[in-house]
Amino acid sequence: QVRLVESGGGLVQPGGSLRLSCEASGFTFSMYAMSWYRQAPGKERELVARINSSGGSTSYADSVKGRFTISRDNPKKTVYLQMNSLKPEDTAVYYCKAGFGSWGQGTQVTVSS
């Protein structure tokens, strides 16, 4: 069956970096766009970044442009989110989503001093 497993979250100080990973199984990973979303307490889930199936095209929410980078390794069936210059407002549960609609379980990112 389809599985998306996020990892790499944790507690980091403002200005720090984290790299999230999402390992996929159960479908032909290289055929689908992948996205990262996040949901902060009391807020709606929002799109953070998207990458097309080949990795040649990416897009970002304005709030993370220039700080976050989405990438993918199709042979490893993994999508990444490199997060730099983290801010307290980046605190949220981060989810990966496959282009056909399946979600991972999420990984918590907390930015705090």
C-alpha atoms as a PDB file:
ATOM      1  CA  GLN A   1       0.000   0.000   0.000  1.00  0.00           C
ATOM      2  CA  VAL A   2       0.991   3.654  -0.303  1.00  0.00           C
ATOM      3  CA  ARG A   3       3.218   4.913   2.496  1.00  0.00           C
ATOM      4  CA  LEU A   4       4.808   8.307   3.043  1.00  0.00           C
ATOM      5  CA  VAL A   5       7.079   8.529   6.078  1.00  0.00           C
ATOM      6  CA  GLU A   6       8.447  11.914   7.151  1.00  0.00           C
ATOM      7  CA  SER A   7      11.503  12.331   9.350  1.00  0.00           C
ATOM      8  CA  GLY A   8      14.000  14.980  10.368  1.00  0.00           C
ATOM      9  CA  GLY A   9      11.865  17.245  12.502  1.00  0.00           C
ATOM     10  CA  GLY A  10      12.887  18.514  15.910  1.00  0.00           C
ATOM     11  CA  LEU A  11      13.667  21.520  18.056  1.00  0.00           C
ATOM     12  CA  VAL A  12      15.967  24.169  16.593  1.00  0.00           C
ATOM     13  CA  GLN A  13      16.929  27.691  17.577  1.00  0.00           C
ATOM     14  CA  PRO A  14      15.928  30.677  15.438  1.00  0.00           C
ATOM     15  CA  GLY A  15      18.345  31.025  12.542  1.00  0.00           C
ATOM     16  CA  GLY A  16      19.072  27.320  12.530  1.00  0.00           C
ATOM     17  CA  SER A  17      18.536  24.666   9.872  1.00  0.00           C
ATOM     18  CA  LEU A  18      16.763  21.356   9.505  1.00  0.00           C
ATOM     19  CA  ARG A  19      16.419  18.896   6.651  1.00  0.00           C
ATOM     20  CA  LEU A  20      13.166  16.977   6.393  1.00  0.00           C
ATOM     21  CA  SER A  21      12.883  13.735   4.453  1.00  0.00           C
ATOM     22  CA  CYS A  22       9.836  11.899   3.152  1.00  0.00           C
ATOM     23  CA  GLU A  23      10.382   8.319   2.046  1.00  0.00           C
ATOM     24  CA  ALA A  24       7.740   6.899  -0.280  1.00  0.00           C
ATOM     25  CA  SER A  25       6.668   3.355  -1.053  1.00  0.00           C
ATOM     26  CA  GLY A  26       3.782   1.558  -2.705  1.00  0.00           C
ATOM     27  CA  PHE A  27       3.586   3.653  -5.869  1.00  0.00           C
ATOM     28  CA  THR A  28       5.733   4.744  -8.807  1.00  0.00           C
ATOM     29  CA  PHE A  29       7.370   7.699  -7.085  1.00  0.00           C
ATOM     30  CA  SER A  30       9.020   9.128 -10.194  1.00  0.00           C
ATOM     31  CA  MET A  31       5.664   9.668 -11.904  1.00  0.00           C
ATOM     32  CA  TYR A  32       4.227  12.115  -9.380  1.00  0.00           C
ATOM     33  CA  ALA A  33       4.762  15.639  -8.177  1.00  0.00           C
ATOM     34  CA  MET A  34       5.376  15.896  -4.456  1.00  0.00           C
ATOM     35  CA  SER A  35       4.613  18.661  -1.993  1.00  0.00           C
ATOM     36  CA  TRP A  36       5.378  19.745   1.539  1.00  0.00           C
ATOM     37  CA  TYR A  37       2.620  21.297   3.645  1.00  0.00           C
ATOM     38  CA  ARG A  38       2.601  22.549   7.204  1.00  0.00           C
ATOM     39  CA  GLN A  39       0.007  23.147   9.881  1.00  0.00           C
ATOM     40  CA  ALA A  40       0.595  25.355  12.874  1.00  0.00           C
ATOM     41  CA  PRO A  41      -1.612  25.134  15.996  1.00  0.00           C
ATOM     42  CA  GLY A  42      -4.963  26.779  15.373  1.00  0.00           C
ATOM     43  CA  LYS A  43      -4.218  27.405  11.705  1.00  0.00           C
ATOM     44  CA  GLU A  44      -5.171  25.766   8.445  1.00  0.00           C
ATOM     45  CA  ARG A  45      -2.769  23.470   6.638  1.00  0.00           C
ATOM     46  CA  GLU A  46      -0.806  25.430   4.036  1.00  0.00           C
ATOM     47  CA  LEU A  47       1.296  24.546   1.017  1.00  0.00           C
ATOM     48  CA  VAL A  48       4.994  25.198   1.610  1.00  0.00           C
ATOM     49  CA  ALA A  49       6.705  23.849  -1.511  1.00  0.00           C
ATOM     50  CA  ARG A  50       6.064  21.676  -4.536  1.00  0.00           C
ATOM     51  CA  ILE A  51       8.323  19.801  -6.940  1.00  0.00           C
ATOM     52  CA  ASN A  52       7.373  18.192 -10.215  1.00  0.00           C
ATOM     53  CA  SER A  53       7.963  14.547 -11.023  1.00  0.00           C
ATOM     54  CA  SER A  54      11.410  15.015 -12.579  1.00  0.00           C
ATOM     55  CA  GLY A  55      12.603  17.588 -10.068  1.00  0.00           C
ATOM     56  CA  GLY A  56      13.075  20.191 -12.750  1.00  0.00           C
ATOM     57  CA  SER A  57      10.406  22.579 -11.516  1.00  0.00           C
ATOM     58  CA  THR A  58       9.769  23.856  -8.015  1.00  0.00           C
ATOM     59  CA  SER A  59       7.532  26.441  -6.383  1.00  0.00           C
ATOM     60  CA  TYR A  60       7.360  27.939  -2.901  1.00  0.00           C
ATOM     61  CA  ALA A  61       5.089  29.851  -0.595  1.00  0.00           C
ATOM     62  CA  ASP A  62       6.144  33.484  -0.341  1.00  0.00           C
ATOM     63  CA  SER A  63       6.820  33.032   3.371  1.00  0.00           C
ATOM     64  CA  VAL A  64       9.631  30.514   2.747  1.00  0.00           C
ATOM     65  CA  LYS A  65      11.128  31.676  -0.565  1.00  0.00           C
ATOM     66  CA  GLY A  66      14.886  32.038  -0.334  1.00  0.00           C
ATOM     67  CA  ARG A  67      15.050  30.020   2.903  1.00  0.00           C
ATOM     68  CA  PHE A  68      13.609  26.598   2.025  1.00  0.00           C
ATOM     69  CA  THR A  69      14.605  24.264  -0.809  1.00  0.00           C
ATOM     70  CA  ILE A  70      12.620  21.262  -1.978  1.00  0.00           C
ATOM     71  CA  SER A  71      14.405  18.466  -3.831  1.00  0.00           C
ATOM     72  CA  ARG A  72      13.920  14.819  -4.660  1.00  0.00           C
ATOM     73  CA  ASP A  73      15.902  11.672  -5.335  1.00  0.00           C
ATOM     74  CA  ASN A  74      13.770   9.450  -7.544  1.00  0.00           C
ATOM     75  CA  PRO A  75      15.923   6.291  -7.260  1.00  0.00           C
ATOM     76  CA  LYS A  76      15.707   6.623  -3.463  1.00  0.00           C
ATOM     77  CA  LYS A  77      11.974   7.478  -3.629  1.00  0.00           C
ATOM     78  CA  THR A  78      12.565  10.367  -1.269  1.00  0.00           C
ATOM     79  CA  VAL A  79      11.639  14.041  -1.255  1.00  0.00           C
ATOM     80  CA  TYR A  80      13.499  16.532   0.935  1.00  0.00           C
ATOM     81  CA  LEU A  81      12.870  19.951   2.412  1.00  0.00           C
ATOM     82  CA  GLN A  82      15.993  21.863   3.395  1.00  0.00           C
ATOM     83  CA  MET A  83      14.994  24.610   5.802  1.00  0.00           C
ATOM     84  CA  ASN A  84      17.464  27.390   6.584  1.00  0.00           C
ATOM     85  CA  SER A  85      17.214  30.615   8.573  1.00  0.00           C
ATOM     86  CA  LEU A  86      14.336  29.162  10.535  1.00  0.00           C
ATOM     87  CA  LYS A  87      11.965  31.494  12.350  1.00  0.00           C
ATOM     88  CA  PRO A  88       9.581  30.875  15.256  1.00  0.00           C
ATOM     89  CA  GLU A  89       6.681  31.261  12.815  1.00  0.00           C
ATOM     90  CA  ASP A  90       7.944  28.188  10.950  1.00  0.00           C
ATOM     91  CA  THR A  91       6.883  26.072  13.938  1.00  0.00           C
ATOM     92  CA  ALA A  92       4.355  23.534  12.683  1.00  0.00           C
ATOM     93  CA  VAL A  93       3.760  19.916  11.821  1.00  0.00           C
ATOM     94  CA  TYR A  94       5.184  19.340   8.362  1.00  0.00           C
ATOM     95  CA  TYR A  95       3.536  16.842   6.020  1.00  0.00           C
ATOM     96  CA  CYS A  96       4.501  15.481   2.638  1.00  0.00           C
ATOM     97  CA  LYS A  97       1.842  14.823   0.060  1.00  0.00           C
ATOM     98  CA  ALA A  98       1.924  12.807  -3.133  1.00  0.00           C
ATOM     99  CA  GLY A  99       0.451  14.269  -6.290  1.00  0.00           C
ATOM    100  CA  PHE A 100      -2.470  11.857  -6.247  1.00  0.00           C
ATOM    101  CA  GLY A 101      -3.486  12.868  -2.730  1.00  0.00           C
ATOM    102  CA  SER A 102      -1.899  10.592  -0.128  1.00  0.00           C
ATOM    103  CA  TRP A 103      -0.435  12.200   2.987  1.00  0.00           C
ATOM    104  CA  GLY A 104       2.286  11.249   5.395  1.00  0.00           C
ATOM    105  CA  GLN A 105       1.802  11.267   9.151  1.00  0.00           C
ATOM    106  CA  GLY A 106       3.761  14.473   9.711  1.00  0.00           C
ATOM    107  CA  THR A 107       6.873  15.528  11.597  1.00  0.00           C
ATOM    108  CA  GLN A 108       6.998  18.288  14.214  1.00  0.00           C
ATOM    109  CA  VAL A 109       9.285  21.265  13.696  1.00  0.00           C
ATOM    110  CA  THR A 110       9.686  23.650  16.623  1.00  0.00           C
ATOM    111  CA  VAL A 111      11.739  26.823  16.300  1.00  0.00           C
ATOM    112  CA  SER A 112      12.412  28.325  19.693  1.00  0.00           C
ATOM    113  CA  SER A 113      15.221  29.682  21.825  1.00  0.00           C
END
